[in-house]
N, C-alpha and C. Protein backbone atom coordinates (compact mmCIF):
# COMPACT_ATOMS: atom_id res chain seq x y z
N MET A 1 3.98 -23.19 -19.05
CA MET A 1 5.22 -22.85 -20.06
C MET A 1 6.40 -23.05 -18.91
N THR A 2 6.23 -22.73 -17.58
CA THR A 2 7.45 -22.75 -16.90
C THR A 2 7.97 -24.29 -16.70
N ASP A 3 7.15 -25.18 -16.74
CA ASP A 3 7.31 -26.82 -16.69
C ASP A 3 8.27 -27.11 -17.78
N ASP A 4 8.06 -26.64 -19.07
CA ASP A 4 8.61 -26.94 -20.29
C ASP A 4 10.10 -26.16 -20.32
N PHE A 5 10.24 -25.12 -19.58
CA PHE A 5 11.59 -24.50 -19.58
C PHE A 5 11.62 -23.99 -18.06
N PRO A 6 12.42 -25.19 -17.28
CA PRO A 6 12.74 -24.80 -16.12
C PRO A 6 13.49 -23.47 -15.51
N GLY A 7 14.29 -23.03 -16.57
CA GLY A 7 14.88 -21.55 -16.35
C GLY A 7 13.82 -20.33 -16.42
N ALA A 8 12.65 -20.81 -17.13
CA ALA A 8 11.93 -19.48 -17.24
C ALA A 8 11.28 -18.76 -16.08
N ARG A 9 11.16 -17.70 -16.08
CA ARG A 9 10.80 -16.67 -14.96
C ARG A 9 9.23 -16.47 -15.08
N TYR A 10 8.71 -16.07 -16.28
CA TYR A 10 7.42 -15.70 -16.44
C TYR A 10 6.33 -16.78 -17.03
N SER A 11 5.05 -16.78 -16.40
CA SER A 11 4.28 -17.65 -17.12
C SER A 11 3.59 -16.83 -18.25
N THR A 12 2.68 -17.55 -19.03
CA THR A 12 1.67 -17.08 -20.02
C THR A 12 0.72 -15.96 -19.41
N ALA A 13 0.40 -16.28 -18.11
CA ALA A 13 -0.66 -15.19 -17.77
C ALA A 13 0.13 -14.09 -17.48
N THR A 14 1.35 -14.10 -17.10
CA THR A 14 2.09 -12.78 -17.02
C THR A 14 2.15 -12.02 -18.28
N LEU A 15 2.47 -12.68 -19.25
CA LEU A 15 2.60 -12.11 -20.63
C LEU A 15 1.46 -11.59 -21.02
N ASP A 16 0.35 -12.29 -20.78
CA ASP A 16 -1.11 -11.72 -21.08
C ASP A 16 -1.47 -10.39 -20.41
N TRP A 17 -1.06 -10.57 -19.06
CA TRP A 17 -1.29 -9.33 -18.26
C TRP A 17 -0.53 -8.22 -18.95
N ALA A 18 0.76 -8.40 -19.02
CA ALA A 18 1.50 -7.22 -19.80
C ALA A 18 1.01 -6.74 -21.15
N ARG A 19 0.59 -7.70 -21.88
CA ARG A 19 -0.15 -7.16 -23.14
C ARG A 19 -1.23 -6.29 -22.90
N ASN A 20 -2.18 -6.73 -21.98
CA ASN A 20 -3.37 -5.94 -21.55
C ASN A 20 -2.94 -4.57 -21.01
N GLU A 21 -1.92 -4.57 -20.19
CA GLU A 21 -1.44 -3.27 -19.57
C GLU A 21 -0.89 -2.44 -20.62
N HIS A 22 -0.27 -2.77 -21.66
CA HIS A 22 0.34 -2.03 -22.60
C HIS A 22 -0.79 -1.57 -23.66
N LYS A 23 -1.95 -2.54 -23.93
CA LYS A 23 -2.97 -1.93 -24.55
C LYS A 23 -3.80 -0.54 -23.79
N THR A 24 -4.00 -1.05 -22.48
CA THR A 24 -4.46 0.19 -21.68
C THR A 24 -3.61 1.32 -21.63
N LEU A 25 -2.57 1.28 -21.39
CA LEU A 25 -1.56 2.40 -21.50
C LEU A 25 -1.63 3.08 -22.86
N GLY A 26 -1.82 2.34 -23.80
CA GLY A 26 -1.95 3.21 -25.30
C GLY A 26 -3.18 4.04 -25.46
N THR A 27 -4.21 3.49 -24.56
CA THR A 27 -5.43 4.08 -24.85
C THR A 27 -5.62 5.45 -24.03
N LEU A 28 -4.76 5.59 -23.08
CA LEU A 28 -4.65 6.72 -22.18
C LEU A 28 -4.23 7.89 -23.17
N GLY A 29 -4.86 9.06 -22.69
CA GLY A 29 -4.17 10.23 -23.46
C GLY A 29 -2.84 10.60 -22.93
N LYS A 30 -2.16 11.36 -23.74
CA LYS A 30 -0.76 11.74 -23.48
C LYS A 30 -0.72 12.61 -22.04
N ASP A 31 -1.88 13.32 -21.73
CA ASP A 31 -1.90 14.26 -20.58
C ASP A 31 -2.61 13.61 -19.33
N GLU A 32 -2.96 12.27 -19.66
CA GLU A 32 -3.94 11.72 -18.56
C GLU A 32 -2.65 10.97 -17.94
N ILE A 33 -2.96 10.70 -16.58
CA ILE A 33 -1.97 9.82 -15.85
C ILE A 33 -2.80 8.87 -14.72
N ASP A 34 -2.60 7.75 -14.52
CA ASP A 34 -3.64 6.98 -13.58
C ASP A 34 -2.68 7.06 -12.17
N SER A 35 -3.46 6.84 -11.09
CA SER A 35 -2.97 6.98 -9.82
C SER A 35 -1.72 6.05 -9.73
N GLY A 36 -1.53 4.91 -10.14
CA GLY A 36 -0.42 4.23 -9.87
C GLY A 36 0.85 4.86 -10.44
N ARG A 37 0.72 5.20 -11.81
CA ARG A 37 1.93 6.02 -12.38
C ARG A 37 2.37 7.24 -11.69
N LEU A 38 1.25 7.87 -11.21
CA LEU A 38 1.57 9.14 -10.47
C LEU A 38 2.39 8.81 -8.96
N ARG A 39 1.88 7.77 -8.42
CA ARG A 39 2.46 7.36 -7.37
C ARG A 39 3.92 6.87 -7.41
N SER A 40 4.15 6.20 -8.70
CA SER A 40 5.60 5.81 -8.94
C SER A 40 6.37 6.99 -9.38
N ARG A 41 5.86 8.00 -9.91
CA ARG A 41 6.81 9.00 -10.30
C ARG A 41 7.16 9.74 -8.98
N LEU A 42 6.18 10.06 -8.10
CA LEU A 42 6.38 10.70 -7.11
C LEU A 42 7.44 10.07 -6.06
N LEU A 43 7.19 8.65 -6.02
CA LEU A 43 8.09 7.98 -5.07
C LEU A 43 9.56 8.07 -5.76
N SER A 44 9.79 7.95 -6.98
CA SER A 44 11.12 7.95 -7.63
C SER A 44 11.70 9.32 -7.36
N ARG A 45 10.82 10.43 -7.33
CA ARG A 45 11.53 11.76 -7.15
C ARG A 45 11.87 11.88 -5.82
N VAL A 46 11.19 11.22 -4.80
CA VAL A 46 11.33 11.40 -3.33
C VAL A 46 12.60 10.66 -3.16
N LEU A 47 12.81 9.49 -3.47
CA LEU A 47 14.05 8.62 -3.42
C LEU A 47 15.16 9.25 -4.01
N SER A 48 14.91 9.77 -5.10
CA SER A 48 16.23 10.50 -5.86
C SER A 48 16.55 11.77 -4.94
N GLN A 49 15.78 12.59 -4.44
CA GLN A 49 16.17 13.68 -3.56
C GLN A 49 16.75 13.24 -2.41
N SER A 50 16.23 12.19 -1.71
CA SER A 50 16.65 11.44 -0.39
C SER A 50 18.12 11.12 -0.74
N LEU A 51 18.36 10.44 -1.73
CA LEU A 51 19.84 9.85 -2.04
C LEU A 51 20.72 11.09 -2.20
N THR A 52 20.18 12.21 -2.87
CA THR A 52 21.02 13.27 -3.17
C THR A 52 21.48 13.91 -1.80
N ARG A 53 20.48 14.04 -0.83
CA ARG A 53 20.59 14.69 0.54
C ARG A 53 21.65 13.88 1.28
N LEU A 54 21.65 12.25 1.07
CA LEU A 54 22.60 11.50 2.04
C LEU A 54 23.92 11.57 1.30
N LEU A 55 24.02 11.70 0.04
CA LEU A 55 25.36 11.83 -0.62
C LEU A 55 25.94 13.05 -0.48
N ALA A 56 25.32 14.08 -0.31
CA ALA A 56 25.90 15.58 -0.37
C ALA A 56 26.89 15.78 0.76
N PRO A 57 26.83 15.17 1.95
CA PRO A 57 28.15 15.48 2.92
C PRO A 57 29.31 14.64 2.60
N LEU A 58 29.21 13.70 1.49
CA LEU A 58 30.26 12.98 1.11
C LEU A 58 31.13 13.56 -0.05
N ARG A 59 30.60 14.66 -0.54
CA ARG A 59 31.24 15.12 -1.63
C ARG A 59 32.24 16.22 -1.15
């Protein structure tokens, strides 16, 4: 696909992977969370708190 469209960034394999991930996430219960999503939420929270602490003296 990227050969046909030189400016294209994603291949068909990437789109297939995204479809499978979307399907997998849809099968998880709303209260369930996998370790990757948990890690990303925790990392996001830590980075947000760190940024807040770094910017506090500038206010």
